[in-house]
């Protein structure tokens, strides 16, 4: 990406929904999934050392054995400033779309393809009858980070911590309600 002042912003990202689909066979086998109760996803970001980076963690939680976790870096934006506009134009929008896909059905469904490979979906696919389910478990997504990151995710850059981050009300509006 090239800015008006000719600054070049280098960046890359991985879509979290596609990452899960492409990595499931590297993370687990069909046998590993026995007793899977839920899948938790965590995403967070921070700007340090002239780069904004985002991480994505997958936590497979089981009823009677230790969780299986994998941590992936899903983005990097090289820019000296932590600027929401630049982040939105480079990585936040596509990563947000991928996260919305993950939470769309509130489920992680794993099926076995005819070739023996595992297939992931977040909603029951149309051809579900053709492929038996190995598991169909609830999911949750947690966003972690400092207050600046939360405000960036909500689209409220440079917002004071005294403003309401949900309704964007000025403190003079909500202070009288308390």
N, C-alpha and C. Protein backbone atom coordinates (compact mmCIF):
# COMPACT_ATOMS: atom_id res chain seq x y z
N UNK A 1 0.85 -1.16 0.00
CA UNK A 1 0.00 0.00 0.00
C UNK A 1 0.91 1.23 0.00
N UNK A 2 0.58 2.20 -0.84
CA UNK A 2 1.35 3.43 -0.91
C UNK A 2 0.49 4.59 -0.43
N UNK A 3 1.02 5.34 0.57
CA UNK A 3 0.30 6.48 1.13
C UNK A 3 0.54 7.73 0.30
N UNK A 4 -0.25 8.77 0.56
CA UNK A 4 -0.12 10.02 -0.18
C UNK A 4 1.27 10.62 -0.07
N UNK A 5 1.92 10.46 1.08
CA UNK A 5 3.27 11.01 1.26
C UNK A 5 4.36 10.10 0.70
N UNK A 6 3.95 9.10 -0.10
CA UNK A 6 4.84 8.15 -0.78
C UNK A 6 5.40 7.06 0.15
N UNK A 7 4.94 7.04 1.41
CA UNK A 7 5.34 5.98 2.33
C UNK A 7 4.74 4.67 1.85
N UNK A 8 5.56 3.63 1.84
CA UNK A 8 5.09 2.30 1.46
C UNK A 8 4.82 1.51 2.74
N UNK A 9 3.62 0.99 2.84
CA UNK A 9 3.22 0.17 3.98
C UNK A 9 3.16 -1.28 3.50
N UNK A 10 4.10 -2.08 3.98
CA UNK A 10 4.11 -3.51 3.65
C UNK A 10 3.21 -4.24 4.64
N UNK A 11 2.45 -5.19 4.14
CA UNK A 11 1.56 -5.95 5.03
C UNK A 11 1.25 -7.31 4.43
N UNK A 12 0.82 -8.20 5.29
CA UNK A 12 0.30 -9.50 4.88
C UNK A 12 -0.73 -9.94 5.93
N UNK A 13 -1.60 -10.85 5.55
CA UNK A 13 -2.57 -11.40 6.49
C UNK A 13 -2.99 -12.79 6.04
N UNK A 14 -3.52 -13.53 7.00
CA UNK A 14 -4.12 -14.83 6.75
C UNK A 14 -5.56 -14.76 7.25
N UNK A 15 -6.49 -15.25 6.48
CA UNK A 15 -7.89 -15.27 6.90
C UNK A 15 -8.07 -16.37 7.94
N UNK A 16 -8.57 -16.04 9.13
CA UNK A 16 -8.65 -17.05 10.19
C UNK A 16 -9.54 -18.24 9.86
N UNK A 17 -10.65 -18.02 9.15
CA UNK A 17 -11.52 -19.14 8.79
C UNK A 17 -10.83 -20.08 7.81
N UNK A 18 -10.12 -19.52 6.85
CA UNK A 18 -9.40 -20.35 5.88
C UNK A 18 -8.19 -21.03 6.53
N UNK A 19 -7.59 -20.37 7.51
CA UNK A 19 -6.46 -20.95 8.23
C UNK A 19 -6.89 -22.24 8.94
N UNK A 20 -8.03 -22.18 9.62
CA UNK A 20 -8.54 -23.38 10.31
C UNK A 20 -8.79 -24.50 9.31
N UNK A 21 -9.45 -24.16 8.21
CA UNK A 21 -9.78 -25.17 7.20
C UNK A 21 -8.52 -25.81 6.63
N UNK A 22 -7.48 -25.00 6.40
CA UNK A 22 -6.27 -25.55 5.79
C UNK A 22 -5.38 -26.28 6.79
N UNK A 23 -5.50 -25.95 8.08
CA UNK A 23 -4.61 -26.53 9.09
C UNK A 23 -5.21 -27.67 9.91
N UNK A 24 -6.51 -27.92 9.78
CA UNK A 24 -7.14 -28.91 10.65
C UNK A 24 -6.47 -30.28 10.57
N UNK A 25 -6.04 -30.69 9.38
CA UNK A 25 -5.40 -32.00 9.24
C UNK A 25 -4.00 -32.01 9.82
N UNK A 26 -3.40 -30.83 10.03
CA UNK A 26 -2.09 -30.74 10.67
C UNK A 26 -2.24 -30.70 12.19
N UNK A 27 -3.38 -30.20 12.67
CA UNK A 27 -3.61 -30.03 14.10
C UNK A 27 -4.05 -31.35 14.75
N UNK A 28 -5.01 -32.03 14.12
CA UNK A 28 -5.59 -33.24 14.71
C UNK A 28 -5.85 -34.30 13.66
N UNK A 29 -6.03 -35.51 14.17
CA UNK A 29 -6.53 -36.61 13.34
C UNK A 29 -7.95 -36.92 13.82
N UNK A 30 -8.63 -37.77 13.11
CA UNK A 30 -10.00 -38.13 13.49
C UNK A 30 -10.02 -38.71 14.91
N UNK A 31 -9.05 -39.54 15.24
CA UNK A 31 -9.00 -40.16 16.57
C UNK A 31 -8.79 -39.13 17.68
N UNK A 32 -8.03 -38.07 17.39
CA UNK A 32 -7.77 -37.03 18.38
C UNK A 32 -9.03 -36.29 18.80
N UNK A 33 -10.06 -36.31 17.99
CA UNK A 33 -11.27 -35.52 18.22
C UNK A 33 -12.26 -36.15 19.19
N UNK A 34 -12.00 -37.38 19.61
CA UNK A 34 -12.92 -38.04 20.53
C UNK A 34 -12.99 -37.26 21.85
N UNK A 35 -14.21 -36.96 22.28
CA UNK A 35 -14.42 -36.22 23.52
C UNK A 35 -14.32 -34.71 23.39
N UNK A 36 -14.24 -34.20 22.15
CA UNK A 36 -14.18 -32.75 21.95
C UNK A 36 -15.49 -32.13 22.41
N UNK A 37 -15.39 -31.16 23.33
CA UNK A 37 -16.59 -30.52 23.87
C UNK A 37 -16.88 -29.17 23.26
N UNK A 38 -15.82 -28.41 22.95
CA UNK A 38 -16.00 -27.08 22.39
C UNK A 38 -14.69 -26.60 21.79
N UNK A 39 -14.80 -25.56 20.97
CA UNK A 39 -13.61 -24.93 20.39
C UNK A 39 -13.67 -23.44 20.70
N UNK A 40 -12.60 -22.94 21.29
CA UNK A 40 -12.50 -21.53 21.62
C UNK A 40 -11.46 -20.89 20.70
N UNK A 41 -11.77 -19.72 20.22
CA UNK A 41 -10.86 -18.96 19.38
C UNK A 41 -10.54 -17.65 20.08
N UNK A 42 -9.30 -17.24 20.01
CA UNK A 42 -8.88 -15.97 20.59
C UNK A 42 -8.11 -15.20 19.53
N UNK A 43 -8.40 -13.91 19.40
CA UNK A 43 -7.68 -13.06 18.46
C UNK A 43 -7.27 -11.79 19.20
N UNK A 44 -6.07 -11.31 18.90
CA UNK A 44 -5.58 -10.09 19.53
C UNK A 44 -4.56 -9.42 18.65
N UNK A 45 -4.29 -8.16 18.95
CA UNK A 45 -3.33 -7.42 18.16
C UNK A 45 -2.63 -6.36 18.99
N UNK A 46 -1.45 -5.96 18.52
CA UNK A 46 -0.69 -4.92 19.20
C UNK A 46 0.30 -4.31 18.23
N UNK A 47 0.66 -3.06 18.49
CA UNK A 47 1.63 -2.33 17.69
C UNK A 47 2.88 -2.13 18.53
N UNK A 48 4.00 -2.63 18.06
CA UNK A 48 5.29 -2.45 18.73
C UNK A 48 6.39 -2.50 17.68
N UNK A 49 7.41 -1.72 17.91
CA UNK A 49 8.59 -1.78 17.04
C UNK A 49 8.30 -1.46 15.58
N UNK A 50 7.35 -0.58 15.33
CA UNK A 50 7.05 -0.19 13.95
C UNK A 50 6.19 -1.16 13.18
N UNK A 51 5.60 -2.14 13.88
CA UNK A 51 4.72 -3.12 13.22
C UNK A 51 3.49 -3.37 14.07
N UNK A 52 2.37 -3.58 13.38
CA UNK A 52 1.15 -4.05 14.02
C UNK A 52 1.04 -5.52 13.67
N UNK A 53 0.85 -6.34 14.68
CA UNK A 53 0.73 -7.78 14.46
C UNK A 53 -0.55 -8.28 15.12
N UNK A 54 -1.13 -9.30 14.51
CA UNK A 54 -2.29 -9.96 15.11
C UNK A 54 -1.98 -11.44 15.25
N UNK A 55 -2.48 -12.02 16.35
CA UNK A 55 -2.33 -13.45 16.61
C UNK A 55 -3.71 -14.08 16.74
N UNK A 56 -3.78 -15.36 16.42
CA UNK A 56 -5.02 -16.11 16.45
C UNK A 56 -4.72 -17.45 17.11
N UNK A 57 -5.49 -17.77 18.15
CA UNK A 57 -5.27 -19.01 18.88
C UNK A 57 -6.51 -19.89 18.77
N UNK A 58 -6.26 -21.17 18.52
CA UNK A 58 -7.32 -22.18 18.45
C UNK A 58 -7.15 -23.08 19.66
N UNK A 59 -8.23 -23.26 20.43
CA UNK A 59 -8.17 -24.11 21.62
C UNK A 59 -9.26 -25.17 21.49
N UNK A 60 -8.85 -26.40 21.30
CA UNK A 60 -9.78 -27.53 21.24
C UNK A 60 -9.90 -28.08 22.67
N UNK A 61 -11.06 -27.92 23.29
CA UNK A 61 -11.27 -28.30 24.69
C UNK A 61 -12.00 -29.64 24.76
N UNK A 62 -11.43 -30.56 25.52
CA UNK A 62 -11.96 -31.91 25.64
C UNK A 62 -12.52 -32.16 27.03
N UNK A 63 -13.38 -33.18 27.14
CA UNK A 63 -14.00 -33.50 28.42
C UNK A 63 -13.03 -34.20 29.36
N UNK A 64 -12.16 -35.04 28.84
CA UNK A 64 -11.34 -35.85 29.75
C UNK A 64 -9.86 -35.88 29.39
N UNK A 65 -9.42 -34.96 28.57
CA UNK A 65 -7.99 -34.90 28.28
C UNK A 65 -7.57 -33.46 28.05
N UNK A 66 -6.29 -33.27 27.98
CA UNK A 66 -5.70 -31.94 27.85
C UNK A 66 -6.12 -31.28 26.53
N UNK A 67 -6.35 -29.98 26.59
CA UNK A 67 -6.72 -29.22 25.39
C UNK A 67 -5.58 -29.24 24.37
N UNK A 68 -5.96 -29.14 23.11
CA UNK A 68 -4.99 -28.99 22.02
C UNK A 68 -5.06 -27.53 21.58
N UNK A 69 -3.93 -26.85 21.59
CA UNK A 69 -3.91 -25.44 21.21
C UNK A 69 -2.89 -25.19 20.10
N UNK A 70 -3.21 -24.23 19.28
CA UNK A 70 -2.29 -23.78 18.23
C UNK A 70 -2.38 -22.27 18.16
N UNK A 71 -1.23 -21.63 18.04
CA UNK A 71 -1.14 -20.18 17.96
C UNK A 71 -0.54 -19.80 16.62
N UNK A 72 -1.18 -18.87 15.92
CA UNK A 72 -0.73 -18.45 14.60
C UNK A 72 -0.65 -16.93 14.54
N UNK A 73 0.36 -16.41 13.91
CA UNK A 73 0.37 -14.99 13.58
C UNK A 73 -0.44 -14.87 12.30
N UNK A 74 -1.43 -13.95 12.31
CA UNK A 74 -2.31 -13.84 11.15
C UNK A 74 -2.17 -12.52 10.41
N UNK A 75 -1.34 -11.60 10.93
CA UNK A 75 -1.13 -10.38 10.16
C UNK A 75 0.11 -9.65 10.64
N UNK A 76 0.61 -8.83 9.74
CA UNK A 76 1.72 -7.93 10.05
C UNK A 76 1.58 -6.72 9.14
N UNK A 77 1.61 -5.53 9.75
CA UNK A 77 1.54 -4.28 9.00
C UNK A 77 2.73 -3.44 9.43
N UNK A 78 3.65 -3.17 8.50
CA UNK A 78 4.83 -2.38 8.83
C UNK A 78 4.53 -0.91 8.59
N UNK A 79 4.32 -0.20 9.72
CA UNK A 79 4.09 1.24 9.66
C UNK A 79 4.44 1.81 11.02
N UNK A 80 5.07 2.96 11.03
CA UNK A 80 5.56 3.53 12.28
C UNK A 80 4.43 3.94 13.22
N UNK A 81 3.24 4.21 12.68
CA UNK A 81 2.12 4.64 13.51
C UNK A 81 1.05 3.55 13.58
N UNK A 82 0.38 3.51 14.70
CA UNK A 82 -0.74 2.59 14.92
C UNK A 82 -2.00 3.30 14.47
N UNK A 83 -2.28 3.28 13.18
CA UNK A 83 -3.33 4.08 12.56
C UNK A 83 -4.47 3.16 12.11
N UNK A 84 -5.65 3.36 12.68
CA UNK A 84 -6.80 2.51 12.37
C UNK A 84 -7.17 2.54 10.89
N UNK A 85 -7.07 3.68 10.25
CA UNK A 85 -7.42 3.77 8.83
C UNK A 85 -6.52 2.87 7.99
N UNK A 86 -5.24 2.88 8.29
CA UNK A 86 -4.30 2.02 7.55
C UNK A 86 -4.58 0.55 7.87
N UNK A 87 -4.83 0.24 9.14
CA UNK A 87 -5.12 -1.15 9.52
C UNK A 87 -6.39 -1.64 8.86
N UNK A 88 -7.42 -0.80 8.80
CA UNK A 88 -8.68 -1.18 8.18
C UNK A 88 -8.50 -1.44 6.69
N UNK A 89 -7.75 -0.58 6.02
CA UNK A 89 -7.54 -0.72 4.58
C UNK A 89 -6.61 -1.88 4.22
N UNK A 90 -5.87 -2.38 5.20
CA UNK A 90 -4.93 -3.47 4.90
C UNK A 90 -5.41 -4.81 5.47
N UNK A 91 -5.57 -4.92 6.79
CA UNK A 91 -5.82 -6.24 7.38
C UNK A 91 -7.11 -6.39 8.19
N UNK A 92 -7.57 -5.33 8.84
CA UNK A 92 -8.72 -5.50 9.74
C UNK A 92 -9.99 -5.93 9.03
N UNK A 93 -10.27 -5.38 7.87
CA UNK A 93 -11.50 -5.74 7.16
C UNK A 93 -11.53 -7.21 6.74
N UNK A 94 -10.50 -7.71 6.04
CA UNK A 94 -10.58 -9.13 5.65
C UNK A 94 -10.51 -10.08 6.84
N UNK A 95 -9.71 -9.76 7.85
CA UNK A 95 -9.65 -10.63 9.02
C UNK A 95 -10.99 -10.60 9.75
N UNK A 96 -11.60 -9.42 9.85
CA UNK A 96 -12.94 -9.32 10.45
C UNK A 96 -13.96 -10.16 9.72
N UNK A 97 -13.90 -10.16 8.39
CA UNK A 97 -14.81 -10.99 7.60
C UNK A 97 -14.60 -12.47 7.92
N UNK A 98 -13.34 -12.89 8.04
CA UNK A 98 -13.03 -14.28 8.39
C UNK A 98 -13.53 -14.65 9.77
N UNK A 99 -13.39 -13.72 10.73
CA UNK A 99 -13.88 -13.98 12.09
C UNK A 99 -15.41 -14.06 12.12
N UNK A 100 -16.07 -13.20 11.32
CA UNK A 100 -17.54 -13.26 11.25
C UNK A 100 -17.98 -14.61 10.68
N UNK A 101 -17.24 -15.15 9.73
CA UNK A 101 -17.56 -16.47 9.18
C UNK A 101 -17.45 -17.54 10.26
N UNK A 102 -16.43 -17.44 11.10
CA UNK A 102 -16.23 -18.41 12.17
C UNK A 102 -17.39 -18.39 13.16
N UNK A 103 -17.86 -17.21 13.53
CA UNK A 103 -18.92 -17.12 14.54
C UNK A 103 -20.32 -17.21 13.95
N UNK A 104 -20.44 -17.25 12.62
CA UNK A 104 -21.75 -17.20 11.97
C UNK A 104 -22.69 -18.30 12.43
N UNK A 105 -22.22 -19.50 12.57
CA UNK A 105 -23.09 -20.60 12.97
C UNK A 105 -22.91 -21.03 14.41
N UNK A 106 -21.94 -20.43 15.09
CA UNK A 106 -21.62 -20.74 16.49
C UNK A 106 -21.28 -22.21 16.69
N UNK A 107 -20.82 -22.86 15.63
CA UNK A 107 -20.47 -24.28 15.70
C UNK A 107 -19.20 -24.51 14.89
N UNK A 108 -18.48 -25.56 15.27
CA UNK A 108 -17.39 -26.07 14.45
C UNK A 108 -17.79 -27.49 14.09
N UNK A 109 -17.94 -27.71 12.80
CA UNK A 109 -18.37 -29.02 12.31
C UNK A 109 -17.21 -29.61 11.53
N UNK A 110 -16.80 -30.81 11.92
CA UNK A 110 -15.72 -31.50 11.22
C UNK A 110 -16.30 -32.77 10.62
N UNK A 111 -16.07 -32.91 9.33
CA UNK A 111 -16.52 -34.08 8.60
C UNK A 111 -15.33 -34.72 7.91
N UNK A 112 -15.49 -35.99 7.56
CA UNK A 112 -14.43 -36.72 6.89
C UNK A 112 -14.76 -36.83 5.40
N UNK A 113 -13.85 -36.33 4.58
CA UNK A 113 -14.03 -36.43 3.13
C UNK A 113 -13.76 -37.85 2.67
N UNK A 114 -14.16 -38.17 1.47
CA UNK A 114 -13.97 -39.53 0.94
C UNK A 114 -12.50 -39.91 0.87
N UNK A 115 -11.61 -38.94 0.72
CA UNK A 115 -10.17 -39.22 0.65
C UNK A 115 -9.55 -39.39 2.04
N UNK A 116 -10.38 -39.30 3.09
CA UNK A 116 -9.87 -39.47 4.44
C UNK A 116 -9.45 -38.18 5.11
N UNK A 117 -9.44 -37.10 4.39
CA UNK A 117 -9.07 -35.79 4.95
C UNK A 117 -10.24 -35.24 5.76
N UNK A 118 -9.91 -34.41 6.75
CA UNK A 118 -10.94 -33.75 7.54
C UNK A 118 -11.33 -32.44 6.88
N UNK A 119 -12.61 -32.12 6.98
CA UNK A 119 -13.16 -30.89 6.40
C UNK A 119 -13.84 -30.10 7.51
N UNK A 120 -13.61 -28.78 7.53
CA UNK A 120 -14.17 -27.91 8.56
C UNK A 120 -15.21 -26.99 7.96
N UNK A 121 -16.30 -26.81 8.69
CA UNK A 121 -17.28 -25.78 8.35
C UNK A 121 -17.80 -25.19 9.66
N UNK A 122 -18.40 -24.04 9.55
CA UNK A 122 -18.90 -23.34 10.72
C UNK A 122 -20.42 -23.32 10.74
N UNK A 123 -21.01 -23.85 9.68
CA UNK A 123 -22.44 -24.08 9.56
C UNK A 123 -22.57 -25.39 8.80
N UNK A 124 -23.64 -26.07 9.01
CA UNK A 124 -23.83 -27.35 8.32
C UNK A 124 -23.91 -27.12 6.82
N UNK A 125 -23.00 -27.74 6.04
CA UNK A 125 -23.03 -27.54 4.58
C UNK A 125 -24.22 -28.23 3.92
N UNK A 126 -24.54 -27.80 2.70
CA UNK A 126 -25.67 -28.37 1.96
C UNK A 126 -25.52 -29.86 1.72
N UNK A 127 -24.27 -30.32 1.51
CA UNK A 127 -24.03 -31.73 1.20
C UNK A 127 -23.75 -32.54 2.46
N UNK A 128 -24.28 -32.12 3.60
CA UNK A 128 -24.01 -32.77 4.88
C UNK A 128 -24.44 -34.23 4.90
N UNK A 129 -25.44 -34.56 4.14
CA UNK A 129 -25.93 -35.95 4.11
C UNK A 129 -24.87 -36.87 3.52
N UNK A 130 -24.08 -36.35 2.57
CA UNK A 130 -23.06 -37.16 1.91
C UNK A 130 -21.86 -37.44 2.79
N UNK A 131 -21.62 -36.60 3.80
CA UNK A 131 -20.45 -36.74 4.65
C UNK A 131 -20.88 -36.82 6.11
N UNK A 132 -20.60 -37.94 6.79
CA UNK A 132 -20.96 -38.04 8.20
C UNK A 132 -20.10 -37.10 9.06
N UNK A 133 -20.72 -36.58 10.11
CA UNK A 133 -20.00 -35.69 11.02
C UNK A 133 -19.12 -36.48 11.97
N UNK A 134 -17.91 -35.98 12.17
CA UNK A 134 -17.04 -36.52 13.22
C UNK A 134 -17.34 -35.79 14.52
N UNK A 135 -17.54 -34.48 14.40
CA UNK A 135 -17.93 -33.70 15.56
C UNK A 135 -18.67 -32.44 15.12
N UNK A 136 -19.50 -31.95 16.03
CA UNK A 136 -20.29 -30.75 15.82
C UNK A 136 -20.40 -30.11 17.20
N UNK A 137 -19.52 -29.14 17.47
CA UNK A 137 -19.40 -28.59 18.82
C UNK A 137 -19.56 -27.07 18.81
N UNK A 138 -19.97 -26.51 19.95
CA UNK A 138 -20.11 -25.05 20.04
C UNK A 138 -18.74 -24.36 20.01
N UNK A 139 -18.76 -23.11 19.59
CA UNK A 139 -17.53 -22.31 19.54
C UNK A 139 -17.75 -20.99 20.27
N UNK A 140 -16.65 -20.37 20.61
CA UNK A 140 -16.69 -19.00 21.13
C UNK A 140 -15.47 -18.26 20.59
N UNK A 141 -15.62 -16.97 20.45
CA UNK A 141 -14.53 -16.11 19.98
C UNK A 141 -14.32 -15.02 21.00
N UNK A 142 -13.07 -14.86 21.42
CA UNK A 142 -12.71 -13.83 22.39
C UNK A 142 -11.69 -12.92 21.73
N UNK A 143 -11.92 -11.62 21.85
CA UNK A 143 -10.97 -10.62 21.35
C UNK A 143 -10.19 -10.12 22.55
N UNK A 144 -8.86 -10.18 22.47
CA UNK A 144 -8.01 -9.74 23.58
C UNK A 144 -7.08 -8.63 23.09
N UNK A 145 -6.72 -7.76 23.99
CA UNK A 145 -5.80 -6.70 23.66
C UNK A 145 -5.91 -5.56 24.66
N UNK A 146 -5.11 -4.54 24.44
CA UNK A 146 -5.19 -3.37 25.31
C UNK A 146 -6.37 -2.50 24.88
N UNK A 147 -6.65 -1.45 25.65
CA UNK A 147 -7.80 -0.60 25.34
C UNK A 147 -7.70 0.02 23.96
N UNK A 148 -6.49 0.39 23.55
CA UNK A 148 -6.33 1.00 22.22
C UNK A 148 -6.78 0.01 21.14
N UNK A 149 -6.40 -1.26 21.29
CA UNK A 149 -6.80 -2.27 20.31
C UNK A 149 -8.32 -2.43 20.29
N UNK A 150 -8.95 -2.48 21.47
CA UNK A 150 -10.41 -2.59 21.52
C UNK A 150 -11.07 -1.42 20.79
N UNK A 151 -10.59 -0.21 21.05
CA UNK A 151 -11.17 0.96 20.39
C UNK A 151 -10.96 0.90 18.88
N UNK A 152 -9.81 0.39 18.45
CA UNK A 152 -9.57 0.25 17.01
C UNK A 152 -10.54 -0.76 16.40
N UNK A 153 -10.75 -1.87 17.08
CA UNK A 153 -11.67 -2.90 16.59
C UNK A 153 -13.09 -2.33 16.49
N UNK A 154 -13.49 -1.51 17.46
CA UNK A 154 -14.81 -0.88 17.44
C UNK A 154 -14.88 0.30 16.49
N UNK A 155 -13.73 0.72 15.92
CA UNK A 155 -13.70 1.85 15.00
C UNK A 155 -13.71 3.19 15.69
N UNK A 156 -13.20 3.26 16.91
CA UNK A 156 -13.19 4.49 17.69
C UNK A 156 -11.76 4.93 18.01
N UNK A 157 -10.96 5.11 17.00
CA UNK A 157 -9.57 5.49 17.22
C UNK A 157 -9.48 6.84 17.92
N UNK A 158 -8.43 6.99 18.72
CA UNK A 158 -8.14 8.21 19.48
C UNK A 158 -9.24 8.55 20.47
N UNK A 159 -9.99 7.56 20.86
CA UNK A 159 -11.09 7.78 21.79
C UNK A 159 -10.57 7.72 23.22
N UNK A 160 -10.99 8.62 24.04
CA UNK A 160 -10.62 8.62 25.44
C UNK A 160 -11.29 7.45 26.15
N UNK A 161 -10.62 6.92 27.14
CA UNK A 161 -11.19 5.82 27.92
C UNK A 161 -12.43 6.22 28.69
N UNK A 162 -12.71 7.52 28.80
CA UNK A 162 -13.90 7.94 29.53
C UNK A 162 -15.17 7.90 28.67
N UNK A 163 -15.02 7.83 27.36
CA UNK A 163 -16.18 7.69 26.48
C UNK A 163 -16.69 6.26 26.56
N UNK A 164 -17.96 6.06 26.29
CA UNK A 164 -18.52 4.71 26.27
C UNK A 164 -18.12 4.04 24.96
N UNK A 165 -17.44 2.90 25.06
CA UNK A 165 -16.96 2.24 23.84
C UNK A 165 -18.06 1.47 23.11
N UNK A 166 -19.24 1.31 23.72
CA UNK A 166 -20.33 0.59 23.05
C UNK A 166 -21.27 1.54 22.32
N UNK A 167 -21.65 2.63 23.00
CA UNK A 167 -22.62 3.53 22.36
C UNK A 167 -21.98 4.84 21.90
N UNK A 168 -20.70 5.02 22.18
CA UNK A 168 -19.90 6.21 21.81
C UNK A 168 -20.42 7.49 22.45
N UNK A 169 -21.15 7.37 23.56
CA UNK A 169 -21.66 8.56 24.24
C UNK A 169 -20.54 9.32 24.94
N UNK A 170 -20.64 10.63 24.90
CA UNK A 170 -19.70 11.51 25.59
C UNK A 170 -19.94 11.36 27.09
N UNK A 171 -18.88 11.48 27.92
CA UNK A 171 -19.05 11.33 29.37
C UNK A 171 -20.13 12.24 29.97
N UNK A 172 -20.30 13.44 29.44
CA UNK A 172 -21.33 14.33 29.99
C UNK A 172 -22.73 13.75 29.81
N UNK A 173 -22.91 12.88 28.81
CA UNK A 173 -24.20 12.24 28.57
C UNK A 173 -24.49 11.15 29.57
N UNK A 174 -23.51 10.28 29.80
CA UNK A 174 -23.78 9.15 30.67
C UNK A 174 -23.44 9.39 32.14
N UNK A 175 -22.64 10.39 32.46
CA UNK A 175 -22.32 10.67 33.86
C UNK A 175 -23.56 11.06 34.65
N UNK A 176 -24.50 11.72 34.02
CA UNK A 176 -25.72 12.15 34.72
C UNK A 176 -26.66 10.96 35.00
N UNK A 177 -26.42 9.83 34.34
CA UNK A 177 -27.28 8.65 34.53
C UNK A 177 -26.85 7.81 35.72
N UNK A 178 -25.63 8.03 36.20
CA UNK A 178 -25.09 7.20 37.29
C UNK A 178 -25.48 7.72 38.65
